[in-house]
Amino acid sequence: MQRPNRIPLFPLDVVLLPAMSLPLHIFEPRYKLMIRRCLDEKIEFGMVLAAERALATVGCTAEIVRKVREYDDGSSDIIVEGGAAFSLAQLLNEREYYEGVVEYVSDEPTELDAEKESQLIALFEQCHALLFGRPWAHTVAQHEPTLAYRMAGLLPIELAQKQSLLELRSEKSRREFVFGWMNAFLPRLAERQHGRQRAGGNGHVVH
């Protein structure tokens, strides 16, 4: 897929990752125009983290995969999916909404360790079961280049850390990042779940 180097831009306090699904509520007039253009022209827009009055220099393209609902005032609920990571070379303010001149970034070639990948998947399945109360439904391909992104998109990773993950340029590094994060998170998650179970069993029925 040939992507344009000048794209509509949506700065937001969210980090979108490739292969990650994200619901958005579009209500500002300028972004209503932007979304209408993207739908009409069948183009992606770029999402960049806007935090503390500064824009991140690395973002991700967003494809509108579904319009969930349109309201009488023109606002809408949409679902987007992350596409390609890009570096923001120039911010343009020539339309009602921002545009960006971007350069798409590619990964460095790396070899993946099958044993480490199995450990990663097993750890993620534990986290997923505790977070959502059900097994992970994704069909896993260990050499899938977006596996770390898919996992991170479902985990409660802080924005700054998620942005750091987006800026890593090898799948091996991203998987190591996600594995380390989950390794620290899982004991706290398990303890929290255990605490909830204890609290739920400490009451008694009054007749």
Protein backbone atom coordinates (compact mmCIF):
# COMPACT_ATOMS: atom_id res chain seq x y z
CA MET A 1 0.00 0.00 0.00
CA GLN A 2 1.44 3.35 -1.09
CA ARG A 3 0.82 5.90 1.63
CA PRO A 4 0.93 9.68 0.99
CA ASN A 5 3.57 11.79 2.69
CA ARG A 6 1.09 14.56 3.51
CA ILE A 7 -1.79 13.39 5.69
CA PRO A 8 -4.51 14.84 7.94
CA LEU A 9 -3.34 14.89 11.53
CA PHE A 10 -5.24 14.27 14.77
CA PRO A 11 -3.23 15.23 17.88
CA LEU A 12 -4.75 13.53 20.92
CA ASP A 13 -3.79 12.37 24.41
CA VAL A 14 -3.80 8.77 23.15
CA VAL A 15 -1.12 6.57 21.61
CA LEU A 16 -2.33 4.49 18.67
CA LEU A 17 -0.19 1.47 17.77
CA PRO A 18 -0.09 -0.47 14.50
CA ALA A 19 -2.74 -3.24 14.45
CA MET A 20 -4.43 -1.70 17.50
CA SER A 21 -8.18 -1.06 17.41
CA LEU A 22 -9.42 2.19 18.97
CA PRO A 23 -12.91 3.73 19.35
CA LEU A 24 -13.10 7.51 18.86
CA HIS A 25 -15.87 10.04 19.42
CA ILE A 26 -15.52 12.87 16.89
CA PHE A 27 -17.25 16.07 17.97
CA GLU A 28 -15.04 19.10 17.21
CA PRO A 29 -16.09 20.84 13.95
CA ARG A 30 -12.60 20.71 12.42
CA TYR A 31 -12.29 16.98 13.04
CA LYS A 32 -15.77 16.33 11.71
CA LEU A 33 -14.47 17.85 8.44
CA MET A 34 -11.31 15.78 8.62
CA ILE A 35 -13.18 12.50 9.16
CA ARG A 36 -15.62 13.31 6.36
CA ARG A 37 -12.69 13.88 4.01
CA CYS A 38 -11.02 10.63 5.06
CA LEU A 39 -14.23 8.69 4.46
CA ASP A 40 -14.93 10.37 1.12
CA GLU A 41 -11.38 9.97 -0.20
CA LYS A 42 -10.76 6.62 1.55
CA ILE A 43 -7.53 7.85 3.13
CA GLU A 44 -5.92 7.38 6.52
CA PHE A 45 -5.16 10.15 9.00
CA GLY A 46 -2.26 10.34 11.40
CA MET A 47 -2.52 10.20 15.19
CA VAL A 48 0.18 11.74 17.36
CA LEU A 49 0.37 12.00 21.12
CA ALA A 50 -0.30 15.54 22.33
CA ALA A 51 0.86 15.92 25.91
CA GLU A 52 1.85 19.02 27.90
CA ARG A 53 1.45 21.30 24.86
CA ALA A 54 3.97 19.30 22.85
CA LEU A 55 3.52 16.85 20.00
CA ALA A 56 5.34 13.56 19.82
CA THR A 57 7.62 13.20 16.83
CA VAL A 58 6.52 9.63 16.07
CA GLY A 59 2.90 8.72 15.37
CA CYS A 60 0.78 6.10 13.64
CA THR A 61 -1.65 6.20 10.73
CA ALA A 62 -5.29 5.40 11.47
CA GLU A 63 -7.67 3.68 9.08
CA ILE A 64 -11.39 4.18 9.70
CA VAL A 65 -12.70 0.61 9.68
CA ARG A 66 -16.24 1.34 10.84
CA LYS A 67 -18.58 4.23 11.52
CA VAL A 68 -20.56 3.08 14.54
CA ARG A 69 -22.98 5.96 14.85
CA GLU A 70 -23.63 9.42 13.46
CA TYR A 71 -25.47 12.00 15.57
CA ASP A 72 -27.83 14.79 14.50
CA ASP A 73 -25.17 17.45 15.17
CA GLY A 74 -22.70 15.75 12.80
CA SER A 75 -20.55 14.19 15.51
CA SER A 76 -19.85 10.48 15.20
CA ASP A 77 -18.48 7.37 16.84
CA ILE A 78 -15.91 5.52 14.76
CA ILE A 79 -13.52 2.59 15.09
CA VAL A 80 -10.01 3.01 13.73
CA GLU A 81 -7.14 0.58 13.36
CA GLY A 82 -3.50 1.50 13.54
CA GLY A 83 -1.57 1.21 10.29
CA ALA A 84 2.03 2.38 9.88
CA ALA A 85 4.40 4.20 12.22
CA PHE A 86 5.72 7.50 10.92
CA SER A 87 8.07 10.31 11.87
CA LEU A 88 6.51 13.77 11.83
CA ALA A 89 8.77 15.95 9.70
CA GLN A 90 6.59 19.08 9.51
CA LEU A 91 3.35 20.28 11.08
CA LEU A 92 1.08 22.18 8.67
CA ASN A 93 -1.71 24.54 9.68
CA GLU A 94 -3.18 25.43 6.27
CA ARG A 95 -6.65 23.90 6.68
CA GLU A 96 -9.27 23.90 9.41
CA TYR A 97 -7.39 20.92 10.92
CA TYR A 98 -3.71 20.09 11.10
CA GLU A 99 -1.85 18.15 8.46
CA GLY A 100 1.59 16.64 8.66
CA VAL A 101 4.44 15.94 6.30
CA VAL A 102 5.53 12.49 7.42
CA GLU A 103 8.22 9.93 6.75
CA TYR A 104 7.25 6.31 7.25
CA VAL A 105 9.66 4.31 9.37
CA SER A 106 10.62 0.69 8.91
CA ASP A 107 11.92 -1.94 11.31
CA GLU A 108 15.46 -3.22 11.56
CA PRO A 109 15.69 -6.91 10.61
CA THR A 110 16.04 -9.13 13.70
CA GLU A 111 15.85 -12.82 14.52
CA LEU A 112 13.30 -13.95 17.09
CA ASP A 113 13.94 -16.60 19.74
CA ALA A 114 11.17 -19.25 19.65
CA GLU A 115 11.51 -20.11 23.35
CA LYS A 116 11.28 -16.45 24.40
CA GLU A 117 8.26 -15.95 22.18
CA SER A 118 6.49 -18.90 23.79
CA GLN A 119 7.20 -17.39 27.21
CA LEU A 120 5.87 -14.04 26.01
CA ILE A 121 2.61 -15.56 24.77
CA ALA A 122 2.13 -17.61 27.95
CA LEU A 123 2.67 -14.51 30.10
CA PHE A 124 0.28 -12.45 28.02
CA GLU A 125 -2.40 -15.14 28.22
CA GLN A 126 -2.17 -15.00 32.02
CA CYS A 127 -2.51 -11.21 32.01
CA HIS A 128 -5.40 -11.31 29.55
CA ALA A 129 -7.33 -13.90 31.59
CA LEU A 130 -6.98 -11.82 34.77
CA LEU A 131 -7.80 -8.52 33.06
CA PHE A 132 -10.78 -9.66 30.98
CA GLY A 133 -11.91 -12.91 32.60
CA ARG A 134 -11.62 -14.86 29.35
CA PRO A 135 -8.93 -16.44 27.15
CA TRP A 136 -7.18 -14.43 24.47
CA ALA A 137 -9.08 -15.14 21.25
CA HIS A 138 -6.33 -14.04 18.85
CA THR A 139 -4.82 -16.74 16.64
CA VAL A 140 -1.13 -16.43 17.43
CA ALA A 141 1.58 -16.46 14.79
CA GLN A 142 4.86 -16.18 16.63
CA HIS A 143 6.61 -14.42 13.75
CA GLU A 144 3.81 -11.90 13.31
CA PRO A 145 5.56 -8.49 13.07
CA THR A 146 2.77 -6.71 14.97
CA LEU A 147 2.43 -9.21 17.85
CA ALA A 148 3.94 -6.89 20.48
CA TYR A 149 1.75 -4.01 19.29
CA ARG A 150 -1.38 -6.20 19.46
CA MET A 151 -0.55 -7.22 23.01
CA ALA A 152 0.30 -3.70 24.16
CA GLY A 153 -2.94 -2.38 22.71
CA LEU A 154 -4.86 -4.56 25.19
CA LEU A 155 -2.73 -3.80 28.24
CA PRO A 156 -3.08 -0.79 30.60
CA ILE A 157 0.35 0.59 29.70
CA GLU A 158 0.92 4.27 30.53
CA LEU A 159 1.01 6.72 27.63
CA ALA A 160 4.71 7.56 27.93
CA GLN A 161 5.66 3.89 27.91
CA LYS A 162 3.32 3.16 24.99
CA GLN A 163 4.92 6.03 23.08
CA SER A 164 8.36 4.57 23.81
CA LEU A 165 7.16 1.24 22.44
CA LEU A 166 5.93 2.93 19.24
CA GLU A 167 9.38 4.46 18.75
CA LEU A 168 11.25 1.13 18.97
CA ARG A 169 12.39 -0.02 15.57
CA SER A 170 12.60 -3.80 15.94
CA GLU A 171 9.97 -6.39 16.85
CA LYS A 172 12.49 -8.14 19.08
CA SER A 173 12.96 -4.96 21.15
CA ARG A 174 9.21 -4.41 21.34
CA ARG A 175 8.59 -7.95 22.56
CA GLU A 176 11.30 -7.58 25.20
CA PHE A 177 9.67 -4.30 26.28
CA VAL A 178 6.21 -5.89 26.57
CA PHE A 179 7.57 -8.97 28.34
CA GLY A 180 9.40 -6.85 30.93
CA TRP A 181 6.31 -4.71 31.51
CA MET A 182 4.05 -7.75 31.99
CA ASN A 183 6.58 -9.47 34.23
CA ALA A 184 6.38 -6.50 36.62
CA PHE A 185 2.61 -6.05 36.20
CA LEU A 186 1.38 -9.63 36.59
CA PRO A 187 2.15 -10.05 40.34
CA ARG A 188 0.31 -6.78 41.12
CA LEU A 189 -2.59 -7.85 38.91
CA ALA A 190 -2.80 -11.28 40.56
CA GLU A 191 -2.73 -9.72 44.03
CA ARG A 192 -5.48 -7.28 43.08
CA GLN A 193 -7.61 -10.14 41.77
CA HIS A 194 -6.96 -12.15 44.92
CA GLY A 195 -7.97 -9.14 47.04
CA ARG A 196 -11.25 -8.85 45.17
CA GLN A 197 -11.99 -12.52 45.74
CA ARG A 198 -11.27 -12.16 49.47
CA ALA A 199 -13.51 -9.11 49.69
CA GLY A 200 -16.28 -10.93 47.86
CA GLY A 201 -16.13 -13.82 50.32
CA ASN A 202 -16.06 -11.79 53.52
CA GLY A 203 -19.72 -10.86 53.65
CA HIS A 204 -22.71 -12.76 54.95
CA VAL A 205 -26.34 -12.94 54.00
CA VAL A 206 -28.80 -11.28 56.36
CA HIS A 207 -32.29 -12.83 56.37
